[in-house]
Amino acid sequence: NAAVQEDVDGVGLSIMSGAHNTPFPAVIDALNAKGATDVVVFGGGIIPDGDLDTLRKAGVKGVFTPGTTLEAIIDWVKTNIIARA
């Protein structure tokens, strides 16, 4: 609700519990239900390589696993999160 109310361009999630297959799709579904289909969802955490395709197919645009540098994430955000006019 806050993302829709504030008209954000992207939502980043950090999931360290290993439960990433639940909150990522839930956030995307909630955004879609509110008509916010243009909000880019991205994030990372303790995510096994075997789950990357599942998350991408669910609509997660960027997935960052352990060892990803902060610079790489910042570069991805600068390239993929486009501010709306």
N, C-alpha and C. Protein backbone atom coordinates (compact mmCIF):
# COMPACT_ATOMS: atom_id res chain seq x y z
N ASN A 1 0.81 -1.20 0.00
CA ASN A 1 0.00 0.00 0.00
C ASN A 1 0.85 1.26 0.00
N ALA A 2 1.93 1.25 0.78
CA ALA A 2 2.80 2.44 0.84
C ALA A 2 3.45 2.70 -0.51
N ALA A 3 3.87 1.65 -1.21
CA ALA A 3 4.50 1.82 -2.52
C ALA A 3 3.54 2.46 -3.51
N VAL A 4 2.29 2.05 -3.47
CA VAL A 4 1.29 2.62 -4.37
C VAL A 4 0.98 4.06 -3.95
N GLN A 5 0.79 4.28 -2.66
CA GLN A 5 0.46 5.61 -2.16
C GLN A 5 1.57 6.62 -2.48
N GLU A 6 2.81 6.19 -2.38
CA GLU A 6 3.94 7.09 -2.62
C GLU A 6 4.39 7.11 -4.08
N ASP A 7 3.73 6.33 -4.93
CA ASP A 7 4.01 6.29 -6.36
C ASP A 7 5.48 6.00 -6.64
N VAL A 8 5.98 4.93 -6.04
CA VAL A 8 7.40 4.58 -6.17
C VAL A 8 7.69 3.99 -7.54
N ASP A 9 8.96 4.02 -7.91
CA ASP A 9 9.42 3.44 -9.17
C ASP A 9 9.92 2.02 -8.99
N GLY A 10 10.33 1.68 -7.77
CA GLY A 10 10.85 0.35 -7.51
C GLY A 10 10.69 -0.04 -6.06
N VAL A 11 10.66 -1.35 -5.82
CA VAL A 11 10.59 -1.89 -4.46
C VAL A 11 11.71 -2.92 -4.34
N GLY A 12 12.56 -2.72 -3.35
CA GLY A 12 13.63 -3.66 -3.09
C GLY A 12 13.37 -4.45 -1.82
N LEU A 13 13.59 -5.75 -1.89
CA LEU A 13 13.38 -6.63 -0.74
C LEU A 13 14.68 -7.33 -0.40
N SER A 14 14.93 -7.47 0.88
CA SER A 14 16.07 -8.24 1.35
C SER A 14 15.53 -9.37 2.21
N ILE A 15 15.76 -10.60 1.76
CA ILE A 15 15.22 -11.76 2.44
C ILE A 15 16.38 -12.64 2.89
N MET A 16 16.62 -12.67 4.17
CA MET A 16 17.74 -13.45 4.70
C MET A 16 17.28 -14.77 5.32
N SER A 17 15.97 -15.00 5.36
CA SER A 17 15.44 -16.19 6.03
C SER A 17 15.38 -17.42 5.14
N GLY A 18 15.56 -17.22 3.84
CA GLY A 18 15.41 -18.32 2.92
C GLY A 18 13.98 -18.53 2.45
N ALA A 19 13.09 -17.64 2.84
CA ALA A 19 11.68 -17.75 2.48
C ALA A 19 11.32 -16.88 1.28
N HIS A 20 12.28 -16.61 0.42
CA HIS A 20 12.15 -15.67 -0.69
C HIS A 20 11.04 -16.03 -1.68
N ASN A 21 10.70 -17.30 -1.82
CA ASN A 21 9.68 -17.70 -2.79
C ASN A 21 8.26 -17.29 -2.37
N THR A 22 8.10 -16.80 -1.17
CA THR A 22 6.79 -16.34 -0.72
C THR A 22 6.64 -14.82 -0.80
N PRO A 23 7.52 -14.02 -0.17
CA PRO A 23 7.28 -12.58 -0.17
C PRO A 23 7.49 -11.89 -1.52
N PHE A 24 8.44 -12.34 -2.31
CA PHE A 24 8.64 -11.69 -3.62
C PHE A 24 7.37 -11.77 -4.47
N PRO A 25 6.84 -12.99 -4.74
CA PRO A 25 5.60 -13.05 -5.53
C PRO A 25 4.42 -12.36 -4.86
N ALA A 26 4.36 -12.39 -3.53
CA ALA A 26 3.24 -11.74 -2.83
C ALA A 26 3.27 -10.23 -3.05
N VAL A 27 4.45 -9.64 -3.01
CA VAL A 27 4.57 -8.19 -3.25
C VAL A 27 4.18 -7.87 -4.69
N ILE A 28 4.65 -8.67 -5.63
CA ILE A 28 4.29 -8.44 -7.04
C ILE A 28 2.79 -8.57 -7.24
N ASP A 29 2.19 -9.59 -6.66
CA ASP A 29 0.73 -9.77 -6.77
C ASP A 29 -0.02 -8.59 -6.16
N ALA A 30 0.44 -8.12 -5.00
CA ALA A 30 -0.22 -6.98 -4.34
C ALA A 30 -0.11 -5.72 -5.18
N LEU A 31 1.07 -5.48 -5.76
CA LEU A 31 1.25 -4.31 -6.63
C LEU A 31 0.34 -4.41 -7.86
N ASN A 32 0.31 -5.59 -8.47
CA ASN A 32 -0.53 -5.78 -9.65
C ASN A 32 -2.01 -5.58 -9.33
N ALA A 33 -2.43 -6.05 -8.15
CA ALA A 33 -3.83 -5.89 -7.74
C ALA A 33 -4.21 -4.43 -7.57
N LYS A 34 -3.22 -3.60 -7.25
CA LYS A 34 -3.47 -2.17 -7.08
C LYS A 34 -3.22 -1.39 -8.36
N GLY A 35 -2.91 -2.10 -9.45
CA GLY A 35 -2.67 -1.43 -10.73
C GLY A 35 -1.27 -0.88 -10.89
N ALA A 36 -0.37 -1.23 -10.00
CA ALA A 36 1.00 -0.71 -10.05
C ALA A 36 1.91 -1.68 -10.79
N THR A 37 1.52 -2.01 -12.01
CA THR A 37 2.25 -3.01 -12.78
C THR A 37 3.60 -2.50 -13.30
N ASP A 38 3.82 -1.20 -13.21
CA ASP A 38 5.08 -0.63 -13.69
C ASP A 38 6.14 -0.48 -12.60
N VAL A 39 5.85 -0.89 -11.39
CA VAL A 39 6.82 -0.82 -10.30
C VAL A 39 7.77 -2.00 -10.42
N VAL A 40 9.06 -1.72 -10.46
CA VAL A 40 10.08 -2.75 -10.60
C VAL A 40 10.37 -3.35 -9.22
N VAL A 41 10.26 -4.67 -9.13
CA VAL A 41 10.56 -5.37 -7.88
C VAL A 41 11.90 -6.08 -8.04
N PHE A 42 12.77 -5.87 -7.06
CA PHE A 42 14.11 -6.46 -7.08
C PHE A 42 14.53 -6.76 -5.65
N GLY A 43 15.60 -7.50 -5.50
CA GLY A 43 16.09 -7.75 -4.15
C GLY A 43 17.07 -8.90 -4.12
N GLY A 44 17.37 -9.29 -2.91
CA GLY A 44 18.33 -10.36 -2.76
C GLY A 44 18.33 -10.92 -1.37
N GLY A 45 19.32 -11.76 -1.13
CA GLY A 45 19.44 -12.40 0.16
C GLY A 45 20.05 -13.77 -0.02
N ILE A 46 19.70 -14.66 0.87
CA ILE A 46 20.19 -16.03 0.81
C ILE A 46 19.29 -16.79 -0.16
N ILE A 47 19.61 -16.68 -1.44
CA ILE A 47 18.78 -17.25 -2.49
C ILE A 47 19.62 -18.25 -3.28
N PRO A 48 19.25 -19.52 -3.25
CA PRO A 48 20.00 -20.51 -4.01
C PRO A 48 19.86 -20.29 -5.52
N ASP A 49 20.89 -20.63 -6.27
CA ASP A 49 20.86 -20.47 -7.72
C ASP A 49 19.65 -21.16 -8.34
N GLY A 50 19.24 -22.27 -7.76
CA GLY A 50 18.10 -23.01 -8.30
C GLY A 50 16.76 -22.28 -8.22
N ASP A 51 16.70 -21.22 -7.42
CA ASP A 51 15.45 -20.46 -7.28
C ASP A 51 15.44 -19.18 -8.13
N LEU A 52 16.54 -18.86 -8.77
CA LEU A 52 16.63 -17.61 -9.53
C LEU A 52 15.61 -17.56 -10.66
N ASP A 53 15.51 -18.62 -11.46
CA ASP A 53 14.55 -18.62 -12.57
C ASP A 53 13.12 -18.52 -12.08
N THR A 54 12.80 -19.19 -10.98
CA THR A 54 11.45 -19.13 -10.41
C THR A 54 11.09 -17.71 -10.05
N LEU A 55 12.01 -17.00 -9.40
CA LEU A 55 11.75 -15.62 -9.01
C LEU A 55 11.61 -14.72 -10.23
N ARG A 56 12.47 -14.91 -11.21
CA ARG A 56 12.39 -14.09 -12.43
C ARG A 56 11.08 -14.33 -13.16
N LYS A 57 10.66 -15.59 -13.23
CA LYS A 57 9.38 -15.92 -13.88
C LYS A 57 8.21 -15.31 -13.12
N ALA A 58 8.36 -15.13 -11.81
CA ALA A 58 7.31 -14.51 -10.99
C ALA A 58 7.26 -13.00 -11.19
N GLY A 59 8.29 -12.44 -11.86
CA GLY A 59 8.30 -11.01 -12.13
C GLY A 59 9.36 -10.22 -11.40
N VAL A 60 10.22 -10.88 -10.65
CA VAL A 60 11.30 -10.17 -9.97
C VAL A 60 12.34 -9.79 -11.03
N LYS A 61 12.61 -8.52 -11.17
CA LYS A 61 13.46 -8.04 -12.26
C LYS A 61 14.95 -8.16 -11.97
N GLY A 62 15.33 -8.06 -10.73
CA GLY A 62 16.74 -8.18 -10.36
C GLY A 62 16.87 -9.01 -9.11
N VAL A 63 17.74 -10.02 -9.16
CA VAL A 63 17.94 -10.89 -7.99
C VAL A 63 19.43 -10.92 -7.67
N PHE A 64 19.76 -10.60 -6.44
CA PHE A 64 21.15 -10.50 -6.02
C PHE A 64 21.43 -11.53 -4.93
N THR A 65 22.43 -12.34 -5.15
CA THR A 65 22.78 -13.41 -4.23
C THR A 65 23.97 -13.01 -3.38
N PRO A 66 24.29 -13.79 -2.36
CA PRO A 66 25.43 -13.46 -1.51
C PRO A 66 26.70 -13.28 -2.35
N GLY A 67 27.45 -12.26 -1.99
CA GLY A 67 28.67 -11.95 -2.71
C GLY A 67 28.51 -10.85 -3.73
N THR A 68 27.26 -10.49 -4.05
CA THR A 68 27.04 -9.39 -4.98
C THR A 68 27.53 -8.11 -4.32
N THR A 69 28.32 -7.35 -5.04
CA THR A 69 28.86 -6.12 -4.46
C THR A 69 27.79 -5.04 -4.42
N LEU A 70 27.95 -4.14 -3.49
CA LEU A 70 27.05 -2.99 -3.40
C LEU A 70 27.10 -2.18 -4.69
N GLU A 71 28.30 -2.05 -5.25
CA GLU A 71 28.44 -1.30 -6.51
C GLU A 71 27.64 -1.93 -7.63
N ALA A 72 27.63 -3.27 -7.71
CA ALA A 72 26.87 -3.96 -8.74
C ALA A 72 25.37 -3.71 -8.58
N ILE A 73 24.90 -3.71 -7.34
CA ILE A 73 23.48 -3.45 -7.08
C ILE A 73 23.14 -2.01 -7.44
N ILE A 74 23.97 -1.08 -7.05
CA ILE A 74 23.73 0.34 -7.36
C ILE A 74 23.71 0.54 -8.87
N ASP A 75 24.64 -0.07 -9.58
CA ASP A 75 24.66 0.05 -11.05
C ASP A 75 23.38 -0.52 -11.65
N TRP A 76 22.93 -1.66 -11.12
CA TRP A 76 21.70 -2.27 -11.62
C TRP A 76 20.51 -1.32 -11.40
N VAL A 77 20.42 -0.76 -10.21
CA VAL A 77 19.31 0.15 -9.90
C VAL A 77 19.36 1.37 -10.82
N LYS A 78 20.53 1.94 -11.01
CA LYS A 78 20.64 3.13 -11.87
C LYS A 78 20.24 2.81 -13.31
N THR A 79 20.48 1.59 -13.75
CA THR A 79 20.16 1.19 -15.12
C THR A 79 18.71 0.75 -15.27
N ASN A 80 18.13 0.15 -14.26
CA ASN A 80 16.83 -0.50 -14.40
C ASN A 80 15.65 0.17 -13.73
N ILE A 81 15.92 1.09 -12.83
CA ILE A 81 14.81 1.81 -12.18
C ILE A 81 14.76 3.21 -12.82
N ILE A 82 13.79 3.39 -13.67
CA ILE A 82 13.65 4.64 -14.40
C ILE A 82 12.59 5.49 -13.71
N ALA A 83 13.00 6.67 -13.29
CA ALA A 83 12.06 7.57 -12.62
C ALA A 83 10.96 8.00 -13.61
N ARG A 84 9.74 7.92 -13.15
CA ARG A 84 8.62 8.37 -13.98
C ARG A 84 8.52 9.88 -13.91
N ALA A 85 8.11 10.48 -14.99
CA ALA A 85 7.98 11.95 -15.05
C ALA A 85 6.81 12.43 -14.21
